[in-house]
């Protein structure tokens, strides 16, 4: 049977999605996450058929979760469930590897149809989205000059936690690594991004939307 993980920081949303999937018998829900870092770790551990993912998550943004999932569990298909209906969000999610993008507020039939299509290997978008424009933009090659592309999955996670103000021992505890390893990751990502100080790192994270100003 297909398995699924739901990642959203609102319990009521998780309950709603769980109810839809359990009522239809489409998937077995094996885990839930209220933050991005937990979501990425759960997917790596369980390797589910499906991840239903919000973009606005604490600890690790949904886009970064999506990037990590594509690397750690490429067989997991991802459905974005988001309040954002502007094309930049949709385009980025699809470029990174999402199979479907559903707007929060969609009815249960949309969610059911998205799950059905994605599990069959097909893309699904909420009807309100401009599919022709999205498809045209998704076809454009990605920008290999993006410095974030040079970071490993672990370095991206360390970047996020460091930008949020966590020191090396705190990062080590959260990621179950040694403080020395956390320091090495921080040093390497600063070098790759051309940054020198914690202030530089925070400014970079704000510019890239990883944290709010």
N, C-alpha and C. Protein backbone atom coordinates (compact mmCIF):
# COMPACT_ATOMS: atom_id res chain seq x y z
N UNK A 1 0.85 -1.21 0.00
CA UNK A 1 0.00 0.00 0.00
C UNK A 1 0.87 1.24 0.00
N UNK A 2 0.42 2.28 -0.67
CA UNK A 2 1.15 3.54 -0.69
C UNK A 2 1.18 4.15 0.71
N UNK A 3 2.31 4.76 1.04
CA UNK A 3 2.48 5.40 2.34
C UNK A 3 2.67 6.90 2.14
N UNK A 4 2.36 7.68 3.18
CA UNK A 4 2.45 9.14 3.06
C UNK A 4 2.88 9.77 4.37
N UNK A 5 3.56 10.89 4.26
CA UNK A 5 3.90 11.76 5.39
C UNK A 5 3.30 13.12 5.11
N UNK A 6 2.73 13.74 6.14
CA UNK A 6 2.13 15.06 6.02
C UNK A 6 2.99 16.04 6.81
N UNK A 7 3.43 17.14 6.17
CA UNK A 7 4.26 18.14 6.84
C UNK A 7 3.59 19.50 6.74
N UNK A 8 3.07 19.97 7.85
CA UNK A 8 2.43 21.29 7.93
C UNK A 8 2.50 21.73 9.38
N UNK A 9 2.73 23.03 9.60
CA UNK A 9 2.87 23.49 10.98
C UNK A 9 1.53 23.75 11.66
N UNK A 10 0.42 23.52 10.97
CA UNK A 10 -0.90 23.67 11.57
C UNK A 10 -1.54 22.30 11.75
N UNK A 11 -1.83 21.96 12.98
CA UNK A 11 -2.39 20.64 13.27
C UNK A 11 -3.73 20.43 12.56
N UNK A 12 -4.53 21.49 12.46
CA UNK A 12 -5.84 21.34 11.83
C UNK A 12 -5.71 20.97 10.35
N UNK A 13 -4.68 21.48 9.69
CA UNK A 13 -4.44 21.12 8.29
C UNK A 13 -4.02 19.67 8.19
N UNK A 14 -3.11 19.25 9.06
CA UNK A 14 -2.67 17.86 9.05
C UNK A 14 -3.84 16.91 9.29
N UNK A 15 -4.70 17.28 10.23
CA UNK A 15 -5.88 16.44 10.51
C UNK A 15 -6.79 16.35 9.30
N UNK A 16 -6.99 17.49 8.63
CA UNK A 16 -7.87 17.50 7.47
C UNK A 16 -7.35 16.62 6.35
N UNK A 17 -6.06 16.76 6.04
CA UNK A 17 -5.47 15.96 4.97
C UNK A 17 -5.48 14.49 5.35
N UNK A 18 -5.14 14.20 6.59
CA UNK A 18 -5.17 12.80 7.05
C UNK A 18 -6.56 12.22 6.88
N UNK A 19 -7.59 12.98 7.26
CA UNK A 19 -8.96 12.50 7.16
C UNK A 19 -9.35 12.17 5.73
N UNK A 20 -8.93 13.04 4.79
CA UNK A 20 -9.25 12.81 3.38
C UNK A 20 -8.59 11.53 2.88
N UNK A 21 -7.31 11.37 3.18
CA UNK A 21 -6.58 10.21 2.68
C UNK A 21 -7.06 8.91 3.33
N UNK A 22 -7.35 8.98 4.63
CA UNK A 22 -7.80 7.77 5.31
C UNK A 22 -9.21 7.39 4.89
N UNK A 23 -10.06 8.38 4.63
CA UNK A 23 -11.43 8.09 4.20
C UNK A 23 -11.45 7.39 2.85
N UNK A 24 -10.59 7.85 1.95
CA UNK A 24 -10.55 7.27 0.61
C UNK A 24 -9.73 5.99 0.56
N UNK A 25 -8.92 5.75 1.59
CA UNK A 25 -8.07 4.56 1.58
C UNK A 25 -6.94 4.64 0.58
N UNK A 26 -6.60 5.87 0.17
CA UNK A 26 -5.56 6.06 -0.85
C UNK A 26 -4.17 5.74 -0.33
N UNK A 27 -3.89 6.22 0.88
CA UNK A 27 -2.56 6.07 1.45
C UNK A 27 -2.66 5.75 2.93
N UNK A 28 -1.63 5.13 3.44
CA UNK A 28 -1.48 4.93 4.87
C UNK A 28 -0.56 6.03 5.39
N UNK A 29 -1.06 6.84 6.34
CA UNK A 29 -0.25 7.91 6.91
C UNK A 29 0.68 7.30 7.94
N UNK A 30 1.98 7.41 7.71
CA UNK A 30 2.94 6.78 8.61
C UNK A 30 3.61 7.78 9.55
N UNK A 31 3.49 9.08 9.25
CA UNK A 31 4.10 10.09 10.13
C UNK A 31 3.57 11.47 9.77
N UNK A 32 3.71 12.39 10.74
CA UNK A 32 3.39 13.79 10.52
C UNK A 32 4.54 14.63 11.06
N UNK A 33 4.70 15.82 10.49
CA UNK A 33 5.75 16.73 10.94
C UNK A 33 5.20 18.14 11.00
N UNK A 34 5.60 18.88 12.02
CA UNK A 34 5.17 20.27 12.15
C UNK A 34 6.27 21.26 11.79
N UNK A 35 7.45 20.75 11.41
CA UNK A 35 8.54 21.63 10.98
C UNK A 35 9.32 20.95 9.87
N UNK A 36 10.08 21.75 9.13
CA UNK A 36 10.75 21.24 7.95
C UNK A 36 11.87 20.27 8.23
N UNK A 37 12.65 20.52 9.27
CA UNK A 37 13.77 19.64 9.57
C UNK A 37 13.28 18.24 9.94
N UNK A 38 12.22 18.18 10.75
CA UNK A 38 11.64 16.88 11.10
C UNK A 38 11.09 16.18 9.87
N UNK A 39 10.45 16.95 8.98
CA UNK A 39 9.89 16.37 7.76
C UNK A 39 10.99 15.71 6.92
N UNK A 40 12.10 16.41 6.73
CA UNK A 40 13.20 15.87 5.93
C UNK A 40 13.76 14.61 6.57
N UNK A 41 13.90 14.62 7.88
CA UNK A 41 14.45 13.46 8.59
C UNK A 41 13.50 12.27 8.51
N UNK A 42 12.18 12.52 8.62
CA UNK A 42 11.19 11.44 8.55
C UNK A 42 11.17 10.80 7.16
N UNK A 43 11.28 11.64 6.14
CA UNK A 43 11.28 11.10 4.78
C UNK A 43 12.52 10.24 4.55
N UNK A 44 13.67 10.72 5.02
CA UNK A 44 14.90 9.95 4.86
C UNK A 44 14.81 8.61 5.59
N UNK A 45 14.13 8.60 6.74
CA UNK A 45 14.00 7.38 7.53
C UNK A 45 13.00 6.40 6.92
N UNK A 46 11.82 6.91 6.53
CA UNK A 46 10.72 6.02 6.12
C UNK A 46 10.59 5.84 4.61
N UNK A 47 11.13 6.80 3.82
CA UNK A 47 11.06 6.74 2.36
C UNK A 47 9.62 6.44 1.87
N UNK A 48 8.69 7.33 2.17
CA UNK A 48 7.29 7.11 1.82
C UNK A 48 7.04 7.26 0.32
N UNK A 49 5.88 6.79 -0.10
CA UNK A 49 5.48 6.97 -1.50
C UNK A 49 5.19 8.44 -1.78
N UNK A 50 4.68 9.15 -0.76
CA UNK A 50 4.16 10.50 -0.96
C UNK A 50 4.49 11.38 0.23
N UNK A 51 4.85 12.63 -0.08
CA UNK A 51 5.01 13.67 0.95
C UNK A 51 4.09 14.82 0.59
N UNK A 52 3.20 15.19 1.50
CA UNK A 52 2.36 16.37 1.32
C UNK A 52 2.97 17.47 2.17
N UNK A 53 3.41 18.54 1.52
CA UNK A 53 4.35 19.49 2.12
C UNK A 53 3.88 20.93 2.00
N UNK A 54 3.88 21.63 3.14
CA UNK A 54 3.66 23.08 3.15
C UNK A 54 4.98 23.78 2.86
N UNK A 55 4.93 24.96 2.27
CA UNK A 55 6.16 25.71 1.99
C UNK A 55 6.62 26.52 3.19
N UNK A 56 5.69 27.01 4.00
CA UNK A 56 6.04 27.85 5.14
C UNK A 56 6.17 26.99 6.39
N UNK A 57 7.36 26.46 6.60
CA UNK A 57 7.61 25.61 7.76
C UNK A 57 8.73 26.19 8.60
N UNK A 58 8.64 26.07 9.92
CA UNK A 58 9.77 26.50 10.77
C UNK A 58 10.93 25.54 10.66
N UNK A 59 12.10 26.02 11.05
CA UNK A 59 13.36 25.26 11.11
C UNK A 59 13.97 24.97 9.75
N UNK A 60 13.15 24.66 8.75
CA UNK A 60 13.68 24.44 7.40
C UNK A 60 12.54 24.72 6.42
N UNK A 61 12.71 25.67 5.49
CA UNK A 61 11.62 26.01 4.56
C UNK A 61 11.25 24.82 3.69
N UNK A 62 10.00 24.82 3.23
CA UNK A 62 9.51 23.73 2.41
C UNK A 62 10.34 23.48 1.17
N UNK A 63 10.82 24.54 0.53
CA UNK A 63 11.64 24.36 -0.68
C UNK A 63 12.92 23.60 -0.36
N UNK A 64 13.53 23.90 0.79
CA UNK A 64 14.74 23.19 1.17
C UNK A 64 14.43 21.74 1.54
N UNK A 65 13.27 21.52 2.17
CA UNK A 65 12.84 20.14 2.45
C UNK A 65 12.71 19.38 1.13
N UNK A 66 12.09 20.02 0.15
CA UNK A 66 11.90 19.39 -1.15
C UNK A 66 13.24 19.02 -1.78
N UNK A 67 14.21 19.92 -1.72
CA UNK A 67 15.53 19.63 -2.27
C UNK A 67 16.16 18.42 -1.58
N UNK A 68 16.04 18.37 -0.26
CA UNK A 68 16.64 17.26 0.48
C UNK A 68 15.93 15.95 0.17
N UNK A 69 14.62 15.99 0.02
CA UNK A 69 13.85 14.79 -0.29
C UNK A 69 14.24 14.25 -1.65
N UNK A 70 14.44 15.13 -2.63
CA UNK A 70 14.84 14.67 -3.96
C UNK A 70 16.19 13.94 -3.90
N UNK A 71 17.05 14.36 -2.96
CA UNK A 71 18.36 13.72 -2.84
C UNK A 71 18.31 12.44 -2.01
N UNK A 72 17.57 12.47 -0.90
CA UNK A 72 17.60 11.34 0.05
C UNK A 72 16.59 10.26 -0.28
N UNK A 73 15.49 10.62 -0.95
CA UNK A 73 14.45 9.64 -1.25
C UNK A 73 13.80 9.98 -2.58
N UNK A 74 14.52 9.79 -3.68
CA UNK A 74 14.03 10.23 -4.99
C UNK A 74 12.74 9.56 -5.43
N UNK A 75 12.41 8.41 -4.83
CA UNK A 75 11.17 7.74 -5.21
C UNK A 75 9.95 8.38 -4.55
N UNK A 76 10.16 9.22 -3.54
CA UNK A 76 9.05 9.90 -2.86
C UNK A 76 8.53 11.02 -3.74
N UNK A 77 7.24 10.99 -4.04
CA UNK A 77 6.62 12.04 -4.84
C UNK A 77 6.02 13.10 -3.91
N UNK A 78 6.19 14.36 -4.29
CA UNK A 78 5.86 15.46 -3.38
C UNK A 78 4.70 16.29 -3.93
N UNK A 79 3.73 16.53 -3.06
CA UNK A 79 2.62 17.44 -3.35
C UNK A 79 2.78 18.65 -2.44
N UNK A 80 2.84 19.83 -3.03
CA UNK A 80 2.88 21.07 -2.25
C UNK A 80 1.45 21.51 -1.96
N UNK A 81 1.18 21.79 -0.69
CA UNK A 81 -0.11 22.34 -0.27
C UNK A 81 0.19 23.69 0.37
N UNK A 82 -0.12 24.78 -0.34
CA UNK A 82 0.37 26.09 0.06
C UNK A 82 -0.68 27.17 -0.08
N UNK A 83 -0.50 28.24 0.67
CA UNK A 83 -1.36 29.41 0.55
C UNK A 83 -0.89 30.33 -0.58
N UNK A 84 0.33 30.14 -1.05
CA UNK A 84 0.91 31.04 -2.06
C UNK A 84 0.42 30.65 -3.46
N UNK A 85 -0.21 31.59 -4.14
CA UNK A 85 -0.71 31.29 -5.49
C UNK A 85 0.02 32.09 -6.57
N UNK A 86 1.10 32.80 -6.20
CA UNK A 86 1.84 33.54 -7.22
C UNK A 86 2.87 32.63 -7.88
N UNK A 87 3.09 32.86 -9.15
CA UNK A 87 3.85 31.92 -9.97
C UNK A 87 5.28 31.67 -9.51
N UNK A 88 6.01 32.64 -8.97
CA UNK A 88 7.38 32.33 -8.55
C UNK A 88 7.46 31.16 -7.57
N UNK A 89 6.53 31.10 -6.61
CA UNK A 89 6.52 29.98 -5.67
C UNK A 89 6.26 28.67 -6.40
N UNK A 90 5.27 28.69 -7.29
CA UNK A 90 4.89 27.47 -8.00
C UNK A 90 6.03 27.02 -8.91
N UNK A 91 6.61 27.95 -9.64
CA UNK A 91 7.69 27.62 -10.56
C UNK A 91 8.87 27.01 -9.82
N UNK A 92 9.27 27.63 -8.72
CA UNK A 92 10.41 27.12 -7.97
C UNK A 92 10.13 25.72 -7.44
N UNK A 93 8.92 25.51 -6.92
CA UNK A 93 8.57 24.19 -6.39
C UNK A 93 8.63 23.13 -7.47
N UNK A 94 8.10 23.44 -8.65
CA UNK A 94 8.10 22.47 -9.74
C UNK A 94 9.51 22.22 -10.26
N UNK A 95 10.31 23.27 -10.33
CA UNK A 95 11.70 23.11 -10.79
C UNK A 95 12.49 22.22 -9.85
N UNK A 96 12.24 22.37 -8.55
CA UNK A 96 12.99 21.59 -7.57
C UNK A 96 12.53 20.13 -7.57
N UNK A 97 11.28 19.88 -8.00
CA UNK A 97 10.88 18.48 -8.11
C UNK A 97 9.49 18.12 -7.63
N UNK A 98 8.68 19.11 -7.23
CA UNK A 98 7.31 18.80 -6.81
C UNK A 98 6.50 18.28 -8.00
N UNK A 99 5.63 17.32 -7.74
CA UNK A 99 4.77 16.77 -8.77
C UNK A 99 3.42 17.47 -8.84
N UNK A 100 3.04 18.13 -7.76
CA UNK A 100 1.73 18.79 -7.73
C UNK A 100 1.80 20.01 -6.83
N UNK A 101 0.93 20.97 -7.11
CA UNK A 101 0.85 22.19 -6.31
C UNK A 101 -0.63 22.50 -6.11
N UNK A 102 -1.07 22.42 -4.86
CA UNK A 102 -2.47 22.66 -4.53
C UNK A 102 -2.55 23.86 -3.59
N UNK A 103 -3.52 24.71 -3.83
CA UNK A 103 -3.72 25.87 -2.97
C UNK A 103 -4.54 25.48 -1.74
N UNK A 104 -4.12 26.00 -0.58
CA UNK A 104 -4.92 25.81 0.61
C UNK A 104 -6.27 26.50 0.39
N UNK A 105 -7.32 25.85 0.78
CA UNK A 105 -8.65 26.33 0.47
C UNK A 105 -9.30 25.54 -0.64
N UNK A 106 -8.50 24.71 -1.32
CA UNK A 106 -9.06 23.82 -2.34
C UNK A 106 -9.97 22.80 -1.65
N UNK A 107 -10.96 22.30 -2.39
CA UNK A 107 -11.84 21.31 -1.77
C UNK A 107 -11.18 19.94 -1.75
N UNK A 108 -11.79 19.03 -1.03
CA UNK A 108 -11.20 17.70 -0.84
C UNK A 108 -11.06 16.95 -2.15
N UNK A 109 -11.93 17.23 -3.13
CA UNK A 109 -11.84 16.55 -4.42
C UNK A 109 -10.53 16.88 -5.12
N UNK A 110 -10.08 18.14 -4.98
CA UNK A 110 -8.80 18.54 -5.57
C UNK A 110 -7.65 17.75 -4.96
N UNK A 111 -7.67 17.62 -3.64
CA UNK A 111 -6.60 16.88 -2.96
C UNK A 111 -6.62 15.42 -3.38
N UNK A 112 -7.81 14.82 -3.42
CA UNK A 112 -7.93 13.43 -3.83
C UNK A 112 -7.43 13.22 -5.26
N UNK A 113 -7.79 14.17 -6.15
CA UNK A 113 -7.36 14.05 -7.54
C UNK A 113 -5.85 14.22 -7.67
N UNK A 114 -5.30 15.15 -6.89
CA UNK A 114 -3.85 15.37 -6.92
C UNK A 114 -3.10 14.12 -6.50
N UNK A 115 -3.56 13.50 -5.42
CA UNK A 115 -2.91 12.28 -4.93
C UNK A 115 -2.98 11.18 -6.00
N UNK A 116 -4.15 11.03 -6.60
CA UNK A 116 -4.33 10.01 -7.63
C UNK A 116 -3.39 10.24 -8.81
N UNK A 117 -3.32 11.49 -9.28
CA UNK A 117 -2.48 11.80 -10.44
C UNK A 117 -1.00 11.61 -10.12
N UNK A 118 -0.58 12.10 -8.97
CA UNK A 118 0.83 12.04 -8.61
C UNK A 118 1.29 10.60 -8.42
N UNK A 119 0.47 9.79 -7.77
CA UNK A 119 0.83 8.39 -7.58
C UNK A 119 0.90 7.63 -8.91
N UNK A 120 0.19 8.17 -9.91
CA UNK A 120 0.24 7.58 -11.25
C UNK A 120 1.37 8.16 -12.09
N UNK A 121 2.15 9.08 -11.49
CA UNK A 121 3.30 9.65 -12.19
C UNK A 121 2.99 10.88 -13.01
N UNK A 122 1.83 11.50 -12.76
CA UNK A 122 1.44 12.68 -13.53
C UNK A 122 1.41 13.93 -12.64
N UNK A 123 1.63 15.08 -13.27
CA UNK A 123 1.62 16.36 -12.55
C UNK A 123 0.18 16.85 -12.36
N UNK A 124 -0.03 17.58 -11.27
CA UNK A 124 -1.35 18.15 -11.01
C UNK A 124 -1.18 19.55 -10.44
N UNK A 125 -1.99 20.49 -10.95
CA UNK A 125 -2.00 21.86 -10.46
C UNK A 125 -3.43 22.28 -10.15
N UNK A 126 -3.61 23.08 -9.10
CA UNK A 126 -4.92 23.64 -8.83
C UNK A 126 -5.39 24.44 -10.04
N UNK A 127 -6.69 24.41 -10.27
CA UNK A 127 -7.24 25.03 -11.48
C UNK A 127 -6.95 26.53 -11.55
N UNK A 128 -6.75 27.17 -10.39
CA UNK A 128 -6.53 28.62 -10.38
C UNK A 128 -5.16 29.02 -10.91
N UNK A 129 -4.26 28.08 -11.00
CA UNK A 129 -2.90 28.40 -11.41
C UNK A 129 -2.77 28.45 -12.93
N UNK A 130 -1.86 29.29 -13.39
CA UNK A 130 -1.67 29.48 -14.82
C UNK A 130 -0.75 28.39 -15.37
N UNK A 131 -1.35 27.28 -15.77
CA UNK A 131 -0.57 26.10 -16.15
C UNK A 131 0.32 26.35 -17.37
N UNK A 132 -0.22 27.05 -18.36
CA UNK A 132 0.59 27.24 -19.58
C UNK A 132 1.84 28.06 -19.29
N UNK A 133 1.69 29.10 -18.44
CA UNK A 133 2.85 29.94 -18.13
C UNK A 133 3.86 29.17 -17.29
N UNK A 134 3.36 28.39 -16.35
CA UNK A 134 4.24 27.62 -15.48
C UNK A 134 5.03 26.61 -16.30
N UNK A 135 4.36 25.90 -17.17
CA UNK A 135 5.04 24.91 -18.00
C UNK A 135 6.12 25.55 -18.86
N UNK A 136 5.83 26.73 -19.38
CA UNK A 136 6.80 27.42 -20.22
C UNK A 136 8.04 27.81 -19.41
N UNK A 137 7.82 28.28 -18.19
CA UNK A 137 8.94 28.72 -17.38
C UNK A 137 9.71 27.55 -16.79
N UNK A 138 9.01 26.49 -16.45
CA UNK A 138 9.69 25.31 -15.93
C UNK A 138 10.65 24.73 -16.97
N UNK A 139 10.31 24.90 -18.23
CA UNK A 139 11.15 24.36 -19.30
C UNK A 139 12.48 25.09 -19.43
N UNK A 140 12.58 26.30 -18.85
CA UNK A 140 13.83 27.04 -18.93
C UNK A 140 14.90 26.34 -18.09
N UNK A 141 16.13 26.36 -18.53
CA UNK A 141 17.19 25.73 -17.73
C UNK A 141 17.40 26.47 -16.42
N UNK A 142 17.77 25.73 -15.39
CA UNK A 142 18.03 26.35 -14.11
C UNK A 142 19.37 27.08 -14.15
N UNK A 143 19.56 28.00 -13.23
CA UNK A 143 20.76 28.81 -13.18
C UNK A 143 21.83 28.09 -12.35
N UNK A 144 22.81 27.50 -13.05
CA UNK A 144 23.85 26.76 -12.37
C UNK A 144 24.79 27.68 -11.59
N UNK A 145 24.66 29.00 -11.80
CA UNK A 145 25.53 29.91 -11.08
C UNK A 145 25.02 30.21 -9.68
N UNK A 146 23.86 29.71 -9.32
CA UNK A 146 23.30 29.91 -7.99
C UNK A 146 24.25 29.29 -6.97
N UNK A 147 24.78 30.09 -6.04
CA UNK A 147 25.75 29.54 -5.08
C UNK A 147 25.15 28.47 -4.18
N UNK A 148 23.85 28.52 -3.94
CA UNK A 148 23.22 27.49 -3.13
C UNK A 148 23.35 26.10 -3.75
N UNK A 149 23.46 26.07 -5.08
CA UNK A 149 23.57 24.78 -5.77
C UNK A 149 24.88 24.07 -5.43
N UNK A 150 25.86 24.83 -4.93
CA UNK A 150 27.15 24.23 -4.60
C UNK A 150 27.16 23.58 -3.23
N UNK A 151 26.13 23.82 -2.43
CA UNK A 151 26.07 23.28 -1.07
C UNK A 151 25.53 21.86 -1.07
N UNK A 152 26.07 21.05 -0.18
CA UNK A 152 25.52 19.72 0.03
C UNK A 152 24.22 19.83 0.83
N UNK A 153 23.49 18.73 0.89
CA UNK A 153 22.24 18.71 1.66
C UNK A 153 22.50 19.08 3.12
N UNK A 154 23.54 18.51 3.69
CA UNK A 154 23.85 18.81 5.10
C UNK A 154 24.25 20.26 5.27
N UNK A 155 25.03 20.81 4.33
CA UNK A 155 25.43 22.21 4.43
C UNK A 155 24.24 23.14 4.34
N UNK A 156 23.24 22.80 3.53
CA UNK A 156 22.02 23.61 3.46
C UNK A 156 21.31 23.64 4.80
N UNK A 157 21.25 22.50 5.46
CA UNK A 157 20.60 22.43 6.76
C UNK A 157 21.36 23.24 7.79
N UNK A 158 22.68 23.12 7.77
CA UNK A 158 23.49 23.90 8.71
C UNK A 158 23.34 25.39 8.42
N UNK A 159 23.30 25.76 7.15
CA UNK A 159 23.07 27.16 6.79
C UNK A 159 21.77 27.68 7.40
N UNK A 160 20.70 26.91 7.27
CA UNK A 160 19.41 27.33 7.80
C UNK A 160 19.48 27.51 9.32
N UNK A 161 20.04 26.53 10.01
CA UNK A 161 20.09 26.60 11.47
C UNK A 161 21.02 27.72 11.94
N UNK A 162 22.16 27.89 11.26
CA UNK A 162 23.08 28.95 11.63
C UNK A 162 22.45 30.32 11.42
N UNK A 163 21.71 30.48 10.32
CA UNK A 163 21.04 31.76 10.05
C UNK A 163 20.00 32.08 11.10
N UNK A 164 19.40 31.03 11.68
CA UNK A 164 18.41 31.23 12.74
C UNK A 164 19.05 31.54 14.09
N UNK A 165 20.40 31.53 14.13
CA UNK A 165 21.11 31.94 15.34
C UNK A 165 21.65 30.81 16.20
N UNK A 166 21.57 29.57 15.72
CA UNK A 166 22.08 28.44 16.50
C UNK A 166 23.60 28.37 16.39
N UNK A 167 24.26 28.10 17.51
CA UNK A 167 25.71 27.94 17.47
C UNK A 167 26.07 26.49 17.13
N UNK A 168 27.37 26.23 17.01
CA UNK A 168 27.80 24.90 16.56
C UNK A 168 27.34 23.76 17.48
N UNK A 169 27.46 23.89 18.81
CA UNK A 169 26.96 22.81 19.68
C UNK A 169 25.46 22.58 19.52
N UNK A 170 24.70 23.65 19.36
CA UNK A 170 23.24 23.49 19.18
C UNK A 170 22.92 22.80 17.86
N UNK A 171 23.63 23.20 16.80
CA UNK A 171 23.44 22.56 15.50
C UNK A 171 23.81 21.08 15.59
N UNK A 172 24.91 20.80 16.26
CA UNK A 172 25.35 19.40 16.41
C UNK A 172 24.29 18.57 17.11
N UNK A 173 23.70 19.13 18.15
CA UNK A 173 22.67 18.39 18.90
C UNK A 173 21.45 18.12 18.04
N UNK A 174 21.04 19.11 17.26
CA UNK A 174 19.84 18.95 16.43
C UNK A 174 20.06 17.94 15.31
N UNK A 175 21.28 17.87 14.79
CA UNK A 175 21.56 17.01 13.64
C UNK A 175 22.25 15.70 14.02
N UNK A 176 22.47 15.52 15.33
CA UNK A 176 23.09 14.29 15.81
C UNK A 176 24.49 14.10 15.21
N UNK A 177 25.25 15.20 15.21
CA UNK A 177 26.63 15.15 14.74
C UNK A 177 27.50 15.80 15.82
N UNK A 178 28.80 15.73 15.67
CA UNK A 178 29.69 16.34 16.66
C UNK A 178 29.79 17.84 16.42
N UNK A 179 30.10 18.62 17.47
CA UNK A 179 30.30 20.06 17.27
C UNK A 179 31.40 20.37 16.26
N UNK A 180 32.45 19.54 16.23
CA UNK A 180 33.53 19.76 15.27
C UNK A 180 33.03 19.58 13.83
N UNK A 181 32.17 18.57 13.62
CA UNK A 181 31.60 18.36 12.29
C UNK A 181 30.71 19.53 11.90
N UNK A 182 29.92 20.03 12.86
CA UNK A 182 29.06 21.19 12.60
C UNK A 182 29.91 22.39 12.22
N UNK A 183 31.03 22.58 12.92
CA UNK A 183 31.92 23.69 12.61
C UNK A 183 32.52 23.54 11.21
N UNK A 184 32.86 22.31 10.84
CA UNK A 184 33.41 22.06 9.51
C UNK A 184 32.39 22.39 8.43
N UNK A 185 31.15 21.97 8.64
CA UNK A 185 30.10 22.28 7.67
C UNK A 185 29.91 23.79 7.54
N UNK A 186 29.91 24.49 8.67
CA UNK A 186 29.73 25.95 8.65
C UNK A 186 30.88 26.61 7.89
N UNK A 187 32.10 26.18 8.16
CA UNK A 187 33.27 26.74 7.48
C UNK A 187 33.19 26.51 5.97
N UNK A 188 32.82 25.29 5.59
CA UNK A 188 32.74 24.96 4.17
C UNK A 188 31.67 25.75 3.45
N UNK A 189 30.50 25.91 4.09
CA UNK A 189 29.42 26.63 3.40
C UNK A 189 29.74 28.12 3.29
N UNK A 190 30.40 28.67 4.30
CA UNK A 190 30.80 30.07 4.20
C UNK A 190 31.77 30.27 3.03
N UNK A 191 32.70 29.33 2.91
CA UNK A 191 33.67 29.42 1.80
C UNK A 191 32.97 29.32 0.46
N UNK A 192 32.06 28.36 0.32
CA UNK A 192 31.38 28.16 -0.95
C UNK A 192 30.49 29.34 -1.32
N UNK A 193 29.93 30.00 -0.32
CA UNK A 193 29.04 31.13 -0.58
C UNK A 193 29.79 32.46 -0.64
N UNK A 194 31.09 32.43 -0.37
CA UNK A 194 31.88 33.66 -0.40
C UNK A 194 31.56 34.59 0.75
N UNK A 195 31.21 34.03 1.91
CA UNK A 195 30.85 34.81 3.09
C UNK A 195 31.96 34.66 4.13
N UNK A 196 32.00 35.61 5.07
CA UNK A 196 33.06 35.58 6.07
C UNK A 196 32.53 35.53 7.50
N UNK A 197 31.48 36.26 7.79
CA UNK A 197 31.02 36.39 9.17
C UNK A 197 29.59 35.88 9.33
N UNK A 198 29.16 35.76 10.59
CA UNK A 198 27.78 35.38 10.88
C UNK A 198 26.81 36.42 10.33
N UNK A 199 27.20 37.69 10.39
CA UNK A 199 26.35 38.75 9.84
C UNK A 199 26.16 38.57 8.35
N UNK A 200 27.24 38.25 7.64
CA UNK A 200 27.14 37.99 6.21
C UNK A 200 26.18 36.83 5.94
N UNK A 201 26.28 35.79 6.75
CA UNK A 201 25.44 34.61 6.58
C UNK A 201 23.97 34.96 6.76
N UNK A 202 23.68 35.74 7.81
CA UNK A 202 22.28 36.12 8.08
C UNK A 202 21.74 36.99 6.95
N UNK A 203 22.53 37.92 6.48
CA UNK A 203 22.08 38.79 5.38
C UNK A 203 21.80 37.97 4.12
N UNK A 204 22.68 37.00 3.84
CA UNK A 204 22.47 36.13 2.68
C UNK A 204 21.17 35.36 2.84
N UNK A 205 20.94 34.81 4.03
CA UNK A 205 19.73 34.01 4.27
C UNK A 205 18.47 34.86 4.12
N UNK A 206 18.53 36.10 4.54
CA UNK A 206 17.36 37.00 4.39
C UNK A 206 17.11 37.30 2.91
N UNK A 207 18.18 37.58 2.17
CA UNK A 207 18.03 37.88 0.75
C UNK A 207 17.43 36.69 0.00
N UNK A 208 17.79 35.47 0.40
CA UNK A 208 17.31 34.28 -0.29
C UNK A 208 15.98 33.77 0.26
N UNK A 209 15.44 34.47 1.25
CA UNK A 209 14.14 34.08 1.78
C UNK A 209 14.18 32.89 2.72
N UNK A 210 15.37 32.52 3.22
CA UNK A 210 15.48 31.38 4.12
C UNK A 210 14.99 31.75 5.52
N UNK A 211 15.16 33.01 5.90
CA UNK A 211 14.61 33.52 7.15
C UNK A 211 14.03 34.89 6.88
N UNK A 212 13.15 35.35 7.77
CA UNK A 212 12.57 36.68 7.61
C UNK A 212 13.46 37.71 8.26
N UNK A 213 13.35 38.94 7.77
CA UNK A 213 14.19 40.02 8.31
C UNK A 213 13.78 40.35 9.73
